[in-house]
Amino acid sequence: RTYNDDLQAEVNLGAWPVQAIFRYLQNKGQLKEQDCLNTFNMGIGLVLLVPKANVLQVKEQLKQKNEQYYE
């Protein structure tokens, strides 16, 4: 929803730790990883889109608030 049709996001699996509950649900439901990504986002609750020039500033603000983040 954030991007125009000429842009896309790149998600690097492994850039964040997947909580055990999501692997449990995947195993119990015999679900494919792509289905879990589509349904549960595998633990990603909020995404910030930040211009490269502002990344360090945003990371510092998150650290000050003791917010965990993954890039």
C-alpha atoms as a PDB file:
ATOM      1  CA  ARG A   1       0.000   0.000   0.000  1.00  0.00           C
ATOM      2  CA  THR A   2       2.915   2.302   0.576  1.00  0.00           C
ATOM      3  CA  TYR A   3       4.603   1.832  -2.773  1.00  0.00           C
ATOM      4  CA  ASN A   4       3.579   2.959  -6.225  1.00  0.00           C
ATOM      5  CA  ASP A   5       3.304   0.303  -8.910  1.00  0.00           C
ATOM      6  CA  ASP A   6       6.859   1.063 -10.061  1.00  0.00           C
ATOM      7  CA  LEU A   7       8.416   0.211  -6.657  1.00  0.00           C
ATOM      8  CA  GLN A   8       8.634  -2.913  -4.545  1.00  0.00           C
ATOM      9  CA  ALA A   9       9.921  -3.973  -1.156  1.00  0.00           C
ATOM     10  CA  GLU A  10      12.684  -6.475  -0.605  1.00  0.00           C
ATOM     11  CA  VAL A  11      12.325  -8.621   2.514  1.00  0.00           C
ATOM     12  CA  ASN A  12      15.384 -10.537   3.631  1.00  0.00           C
ATOM     13  CA  LEU A  13      14.288 -13.649   5.470  1.00  0.00           C
ATOM     14  CA  GLY A  14      16.615 -14.232   8.362  1.00  0.00           C
ATOM     15  CA  ALA A  15      17.022 -10.503   9.077  1.00  0.00           C
ATOM     16  CA  TRP A  16      14.898 -10.928  12.212  1.00  0.00           C
ATOM     17  CA  PRO A  17      14.416 -13.841  14.608  1.00  0.00           C
ATOM     18  CA  VAL A  18      11.167 -15.713  14.076  1.00  0.00           C
ATOM     19  CA  GLN A  19       9.450 -16.340  17.409  1.00  0.00           C
ATOM     20  CA  ALA A  20       8.866 -19.953  18.347  1.00  0.00           C
ATOM     21  CA  ILE A  21       5.066 -19.555  18.260  1.00  0.00           C
ATOM     22  CA  PHE A  22       5.135 -19.015  14.506  1.00  0.00           C
ATOM     23  CA  ARG A  23       7.213 -22.146  13.870  1.00  0.00           C
ATOM     24  CA  TYR A  24       4.872 -24.046  16.204  1.00  0.00           C
ATOM     25  CA  LEU A  25       1.825 -22.906  14.219  1.00  0.00           C
ATOM     26  CA  GLN A  26       3.564 -23.730  10.970  1.00  0.00           C
ATOM     27  CA  ASN A  27       4.396 -27.242  12.144  1.00  0.00           C
ATOM     28  CA  LYS A  28       1.023 -27.946  13.783  1.00  0.00           C
ATOM     29  CA  GLY A  29      -0.890 -26.660  10.778  1.00  0.00           C
ATOM     30  CA  GLN A  30       1.496 -28.268   8.296  1.00  0.00           C
ATOM     31  CA  LEU A  31       1.722 -24.880   6.589  1.00  0.00           C
ATOM     32  CA  LYS A  32       4.164 -23.742   3.952  1.00  0.00           C
ATOM     33  CA  GLU A  33       6.473 -20.928   4.996  1.00  0.00           C
ATOM     34  CA  GLN A  34       5.020 -18.614   2.326  1.00  0.00           C
ATOM     35  CA  ASP A  35       1.518 -19.162   3.745  1.00  0.00           C
ATOM     36  CA  CYS A  36       2.803 -18.244   7.218  1.00  0.00           C
ATOM     37  CA  LEU A  37       4.524 -15.146   5.879  1.00  0.00           C
ATOM     38  CA  ASN A  38       1.315 -14.052   4.169  1.00  0.00           C
ATOM     39  CA  THR A  39      -0.889 -14.784   7.195  1.00  0.00           C
ATOM     40  CA  PHE A  40       1.253 -14.065  10.255  1.00  0.00           C
ATOM     41  CA  ASN A  41       4.030 -11.871   8.794  1.00  0.00           C
ATOM     42  CA  MET A  42       6.241 -14.209  10.865  1.00  0.00           C
ATOM     43  CA  GLY A  43       6.422 -11.721  13.699  1.00  0.00           C
ATOM     44  CA  ILE A  44       6.830  -8.444  11.845  1.00  0.00           C
ATOM     45  CA  GLY A  45       4.349  -6.139  13.533  1.00  0.00           C
ATOM     46  CA  LEU A  46       5.411  -2.749  12.231  1.00  0.00           C
ATOM     47  CA  VAL A  47       7.523  -1.607   9.318  1.00  0.00           C
ATOM     48  CA  LEU A  48       9.106   1.822   9.080  1.00  0.00           C
ATOM     49  CA  LEU A  49      10.016   3.152   5.654  1.00  0.00           C
ATOM     50  CA  VAL A  50      12.860   5.576   6.209  1.00  0.00           C
ATOM     51  CA  PRO A  51      14.928   7.515   3.674  1.00  0.00           C
ATOM     52  CA  LYS A  52      18.566   6.398   3.739  1.00  0.00           C
ATOM     53  CA  ALA A  53      19.611   9.845   4.952  1.00  0.00           C
ATOM     54  CA  ASN A  54      17.494   9.396   8.107  1.00  0.00           C
ATOM     55  CA  VAL A  55      18.261   5.775   9.025  1.00  0.00           C
ATOM     56  CA  LEU A  56      20.908   6.522  11.668  1.00  0.00           C
ATOM     57  CA  GLN A  57      18.718   9.153  13.311  1.00  0.00           C
ATOM     58  CA  VAL A  58      15.720   6.812  13.455  1.00  0.00           C
ATOM     59  CA  LYS A  59      17.839   3.966  14.826  1.00  0.00           C
ATOM     60  CA  GLU A  60      19.169   6.260  17.549  1.00  0.00           C
ATOM     61  CA  GLN A  61      15.639   7.341  18.491  1.00  0.00           C
ATOM     62  CA  LEU A  62      14.533   3.713  18.697  1.00  0.00           C
ATOM     63  CA  LYS A  63      17.520   2.883  20.915  1.00  0.00           C
ATOM     64  CA  GLN A  64      16.685   5.800  23.223  1.00  0.00           C
ATOM     65  CA  LYS A  65      13.176   4.395  23.646  1.00  0.00           C
ATOM     66  CA  ASN A  66      14.507   0.849  24.183  1.00  0.00           C
ATOM     67  CA  GLU A  67      12.633  -0.307  21.091  1.00  0.00           C
ATOM     68  CA  GLN A  68      13.944  -3.436  19.420  1.00  0.00           C
ATOM     69  CA  TYR A  69      14.388  -3.149  15.677  1.00  0.00           C
ATOM     70  CA  TYR A  70      15.824  -5.024  12.736  1.00  0.00           C
ATOM     71  CA  GLU A  71      17.094  -3.512   9.538  1.00  0.00           C
END
